[in-house]
Amino acid sequence: MKDISKDVIGAAIEVHKELGPGLLERIYERALVHELQLRGHSVTQQGRVPIMYKGVDLASDDTAENALRYDLVVDDCLVVELKSVEQLKPVHFKQVKTYLKLLNIPIGLLFNFNVSRIMPDGFGRVVLGFEEKDN
């Protein structure tokens, strides 16, 4: 898992270095998917997040436009959430934590591409059990 995380961070740095800040989130998402695939990773993009409540999937009848969707899952074991915002806020970390719980994945990475330097200004890690922002 640590190697995958390092590779995803490296890929995000590469994308940010090439494209810079100020673009739409979906542009960074496409570029990061491409970069991760070039590095040999399998990437699932914009997958539906099941919301289970007492045995019922509350999201099963959601239409495409209002379904809860994650940005990326890398190698079936790491959630990646992308932002292009002024700064990462606590709600962004909570969003990733919720995805981890619902997808039963232990770790997630959060990237904000709308910063001068993605490391350390636009990066956060969420691990089930605690939250941490690397500075």
C-alpha atoms as a PDB file:
ATOM      1  CA  MET A   1       0.000   0.000   0.000  1.00  0.00           C
ATOM      2  CA  LYS A   2       2.834   2.386   0.830  1.00  0.00           C
ATOM      3  CA  ASP A   3       4.385   1.886  -2.625  1.00  0.00           C
ATOM      4  CA  ILE A   4       1.054   2.543  -4.342  1.00  0.00           C
ATOM      5  CA  SER A   5       0.553   5.715  -2.276  1.00  0.00           C
ATOM      6  CA  LYS A   6       4.029   6.957  -3.158  1.00  0.00           C
ATOM      7  CA  ASP A   7       3.434   6.261  -6.840  1.00  0.00           C
ATOM      8  CA  VAL A   8       0.079   8.077  -6.820  1.00  0.00           C
ATOM      9  CA  ILE A   9       1.675  11.068  -5.070  1.00  0.00           C
ATOM     10  CA  GLY A  10       4.466  11.074  -7.642  1.00  0.00           C
ATOM     11  CA  ALA A  11       1.935  10.899 -10.475  1.00  0.00           C
ATOM     12  CA  ALA A  12      -0.053  13.809  -9.014  1.00  0.00           C
ATOM     13  CA  ILE A  13       3.134  15.879  -8.687  1.00  0.00           C
ATOM     14  CA  GLU A  14       3.970  15.098 -12.320  1.00  0.00           C
ATOM     15  CA  VAL A  15       0.495  16.144 -13.504  1.00  0.00           C
ATOM     16  CA  HIS A  16       0.648  19.352 -11.467  1.00  0.00           C
ATOM     17  CA  LYS A  17       4.154  20.112 -12.735  1.00  0.00           C
ATOM     18  CA  GLU A  18       3.013  19.710 -16.354  1.00  0.00           C
ATOM     19  CA  LEU A  19      -0.387  21.449 -16.153  1.00  0.00           C
ATOM     20  CA  GLY A  20       0.001  23.913 -13.264  1.00  0.00           C
ATOM     21  CA  PRO A  21      -2.872  25.318 -11.195  1.00  0.00           C
ATOM     22  CA  GLY A  22      -6.122  26.873 -12.384  1.00  0.00           C
ATOM     23  CA  LEU A  23      -7.770  24.185 -14.516  1.00  0.00           C
ATOM     24  CA  LEU A  24     -11.006  22.310 -13.891  1.00  0.00           C
ATOM     25  CA  GLU A  25     -10.955  19.245 -11.662  1.00  0.00           C
ATOM     26  CA  ARG A  26     -12.011  16.926 -14.483  1.00  0.00           C
ATOM     27  CA  ILE A  27      -8.911  17.908 -16.524  1.00  0.00           C
ATOM     28  CA  TYR A  28      -6.614  16.923 -13.661  1.00  0.00           C
ATOM     29  CA  GLU A  29      -8.605  13.729 -13.199  1.00  0.00           C
ATOM     30  CA  ARG A  30      -8.137  12.688 -16.815  1.00  0.00           C
ATOM     31  CA  ALA A  31      -4.435  13.530 -16.708  1.00  0.00           C
ATOM     32  CA  LEU A  32      -3.906  11.639 -13.433  1.00  0.00           C
ATOM     33  CA  VAL A  33      -5.715   8.567 -14.752  1.00  0.00           C
ATOM     34  CA  HIS A  34      -3.476   8.607 -17.816  1.00  0.00           C
ATOM     35  CA  GLU A  35      -0.317   9.076 -15.729  1.00  0.00           C
ATOM     36  CA  LEU A  36      -1.273   6.239 -13.371  1.00  0.00           C
ATOM     37  CA  GLN A  37      -2.024   3.912 -16.279  1.00  0.00           C
ATOM     38  CA  LEU A  38       1.360   4.777 -17.807  1.00  0.00           C
ATOM     39  CA  ARG A  39       2.846   3.662 -14.477  1.00  0.00           C
ATOM     40  CA  GLY A  40       1.040   0.316 -14.691  1.00  0.00           C
ATOM     41  CA  HIS A  41      -1.840   0.890 -12.274  1.00  0.00           C
ATOM     42  CA  SER A  42      -5.463  -0.059 -12.774  1.00  0.00           C
ATOM     43  CA  VAL A  43      -7.743   2.906 -12.167  1.00  0.00           C
ATOM     44  CA  THR A  44     -11.502   2.991 -11.727  1.00  0.00           C
ATOM     45  CA  GLN A  45     -12.940   6.422 -12.409  1.00  0.00           C
ATOM     46  CA  GLN A  46     -16.195   7.990 -11.194  1.00  0.00           C
ATOM     47  CA  GLY A  47     -17.558   4.778  -9.673  1.00  0.00           C
ATOM     48  CA  ARG A  48     -20.849   4.744  -7.780  1.00  0.00           C
ATOM     49  CA  VAL A  49     -20.565   4.593  -4.005  1.00  0.00           C
ATOM     50  CA  PRO A  50     -23.117   2.256  -2.415  1.00  0.00           C
ATOM     51  CA  ILE A  51     -24.828   3.708   0.640  1.00  0.00           C
ATOM     52  CA  MET A  52     -25.977   0.792   2.778  1.00  0.00           C
ATOM     53  CA  TYR A  53     -28.441   1.311   5.605  1.00  0.00           C
ATOM     54  CA  LYS A  54     -29.731  -1.746   7.457  1.00  0.00           C
ATOM     55  CA  GLY A  55     -29.330  -3.962   4.411  1.00  0.00           C
ATOM     56  CA  VAL A  56     -30.748  -1.525   1.849  1.00  0.00           C
ATOM     57  CA  ASP A  57     -28.628   0.305  -0.721  1.00  0.00           C
ATOM     58  CA  LEU A  58     -30.039   3.821  -0.495  1.00  0.00           C
ATOM     59  CA  ALA A  59     -28.193   4.822  -3.658  1.00  0.00           C
ATOM     60  CA  SER A  60     -29.371   1.912  -5.825  1.00  0.00           C
ATOM     61  CA  ASP A  61     -31.996   3.972  -7.642  1.00  0.00           C
ATOM     62  CA  ASP A  62     -29.914   7.140  -7.986  1.00  0.00           C
ATOM     63  CA  THR A  63     -29.726   8.509 -11.485  1.00  0.00           C
ATOM     64  CA  ALA A  64     -26.330   9.260 -12.971  1.00  0.00           C
ATOM     65  CA  GLU A  65     -26.482  12.964 -12.127  1.00  0.00           C
ATOM     66  CA  ASN A  66     -27.263  12.606  -8.423  1.00  0.00           C
ATOM     67  CA  ALA A  67     -25.426   9.383  -7.535  1.00  0.00           C
ATOM     68  CA  LEU A  68     -22.622   9.577  -4.998  1.00  0.00           C
ATOM     69  CA  ARG A  69     -19.401   8.957  -6.932  1.00  0.00           C
ATOM     70  CA  TYR A  70     -15.749   8.758  -5.997  1.00  0.00           C
ATOM     71  CA  ASP A  71     -13.127  10.295  -8.270  1.00  0.00           C
ATOM     72  CA  LEU A  72     -10.622   7.412  -8.496  1.00  0.00           C
ATOM     73  CA  VAL A  73      -9.846   4.046  -6.964  1.00  0.00           C
ATOM     74  CA  VAL A  74      -6.314   2.836  -7.732  1.00  0.00           C
ATOM     75  CA  ASP A  75      -5.515  -0.886  -7.828  1.00  0.00           C
ATOM     76  CA  ASP A  76      -8.776  -1.614  -5.963  1.00  0.00           C
ATOM     77  CA  CYS A  77      -7.194  -0.474  -2.682  1.00  0.00           C
ATOM     78  CA  LEU A  78      -6.726   3.313  -2.596  1.00  0.00           C
ATOM     79  CA  VAL A  79      -9.301   6.110  -2.940  1.00  0.00           C
ATOM     80  CA  VAL A  80      -8.111   9.317  -4.610  1.00  0.00           C
ATOM     81  CA  GLU A  81     -10.200  12.476  -4.366  1.00  0.00           C
ATOM     82  CA  LEU A  82      -9.285  15.473  -6.512  1.00  0.00           C
ATOM     83  CA  LYS A  83     -10.099  19.120  -5.959  1.00  0.00           C
ATOM     84  CA  SER A  84      -9.332  22.394  -7.688  1.00  0.00           C
ATOM     85  CA  VAL A  85     -10.261  24.819  -4.917  1.00  0.00           C
ATOM     86  CA  GLU A  86      -8.706  27.740  -3.049  1.00  0.00           C
ATOM     87  CA  GLN A  87      -7.729  25.477  -0.152  1.00  0.00           C
ATOM     88  CA  LEU A  88      -8.561  22.090   1.295  1.00  0.00           C
ATOM     89  CA  LYS A  89     -11.136  22.276   4.076  1.00  0.00           C
ATOM     90  CA  PRO A  90     -12.197  19.835   6.798  1.00  0.00           C
ATOM     91  CA  VAL A  91     -15.281  18.861   4.789  1.00  0.00           C
ATOM     92  CA  HIS A  92     -13.028  17.522   2.003  1.00  0.00           C
ATOM     93  CA  PHE A  93     -11.298  15.193   4.469  1.00  0.00           C
ATOM     94  CA  LYS A  94     -14.681  14.087   5.836  1.00  0.00           C
ATOM     95  CA  GLN A  95     -15.850  13.326   2.293  1.00  0.00           C
ATOM     96  CA  VAL A  96     -12.859  11.042   1.733  1.00  0.00           C
ATOM     97  CA  LYS A  97     -13.382   9.369   5.112  1.00  0.00           C
ATOM     98  CA  THR A  98     -17.009   8.651   4.199  1.00  0.00           C
ATOM     99  CA  TYR A  99     -15.922   7.118   0.876  1.00  0.00           C
ATOM    100  CA  LEU A 100     -13.423   4.912   2.714  1.00  0.00           C
ATOM    101  CA  LYS A 101     -16.095   3.637   5.087  1.00  0.00           C
ATOM    102  CA  LEU A 102     -18.668   3.017   2.368  1.00  0.00           C
ATOM    103  CA  LEU A 103     -16.183   1.350   0.002  1.00  0.00           C
ATOM    104  CA  ASN A 104     -14.373  -0.574   2.766  1.00  0.00           C
ATOM    105  CA  ILE A 105     -10.997   0.806   1.680  1.00  0.00           C
ATOM    106  CA  PRO A 106      -8.550   1.774   4.454  1.00  0.00           C
ATOM    107  CA  ILE A 107      -6.696   4.741   2.946  1.00  0.00           C
ATOM    108  CA  GLY A 108      -7.414   7.722   0.750  1.00  0.00           C
ATOM    109  CA  LEU A 109      -5.396  10.543  -0.741  1.00  0.00           C
ATOM    110  CA  LEU A 110      -6.740  14.033  -1.321  1.00  0.00           C
ATOM    111  CA  PHE A 111      -5.153  16.397  -3.849  1.00  0.00           C
ATOM    112  CA  ASN A 112      -5.892  20.055  -4.506  1.00  0.00           C
ATOM    113  CA  PHE A 113      -4.433  21.070  -7.865  1.00  0.00           C
ATOM    114  CA  ASN A 114      -5.264  24.771  -7.486  1.00  0.00           C
ATOM    115  CA  VAL A 115      -2.106  25.577  -5.496  1.00  0.00           C
ATOM    116  CA  SER A 116       1.402  26.711  -6.392  1.00  0.00           C
ATOM    117  CA  ARG A 117       2.962  23.514  -5.019  1.00  0.00           C
ATOM    118  CA  ILE A 118       0.908  20.373  -4.613  1.00  0.00           C
ATOM    119  CA  MET A 119       3.336  19.176  -1.936  1.00  0.00           C
ATOM    120  CA  PRO A 120       2.738  20.143   0.782  1.00  0.00           C
ATOM    121  CA  ASP A 121       0.016  22.751   0.128  1.00  0.00           C
ATOM    122  CA  GLY A 122      -2.418  20.604  -1.855  1.00  0.00           C
ATOM    123  CA  PHE A 123      -2.097  17.191  -0.264  1.00  0.00           C
ATOM    124  CA  GLY A 124      -3.869  15.296   2.466  1.00  0.00           C
ATOM    125  CA  ARG A 125      -4.078  11.688   3.601  1.00  0.00           C
ATOM    126  CA  VAL A 126      -7.058  10.046   5.257  1.00  0.00           C
ATOM    127  CA  VAL A 127      -6.750   6.729   7.030  1.00  0.00           C
ATOM    128  CA  LEU A 128      -9.708   5.043   8.680  1.00  0.00           C
ATOM    129  CA  GLY A 129      -9.298   5.714  12.369  1.00  0.00           C
ATOM    130  CA  PHE A 130      -7.679   9.164  12.104  1.00  0.00           C
ATOM    131  CA  GLU A 131      -7.182  12.126   9.781  1.00  0.00           C
ATOM    132  CA  GLU A 132      -3.934  13.820   8.955  1.00  0.00           C
ATOM    133  CA  LYS A 133      -2.868  16.671   6.676  1.00  0.00           C
ATOM    134  CA  ASP A 134       0.765  16.624   5.659  1.00  0.00           C
ATOM    135  CA  ASN A 135       2.446  20.024   5.922  1.00  0.00           C
END
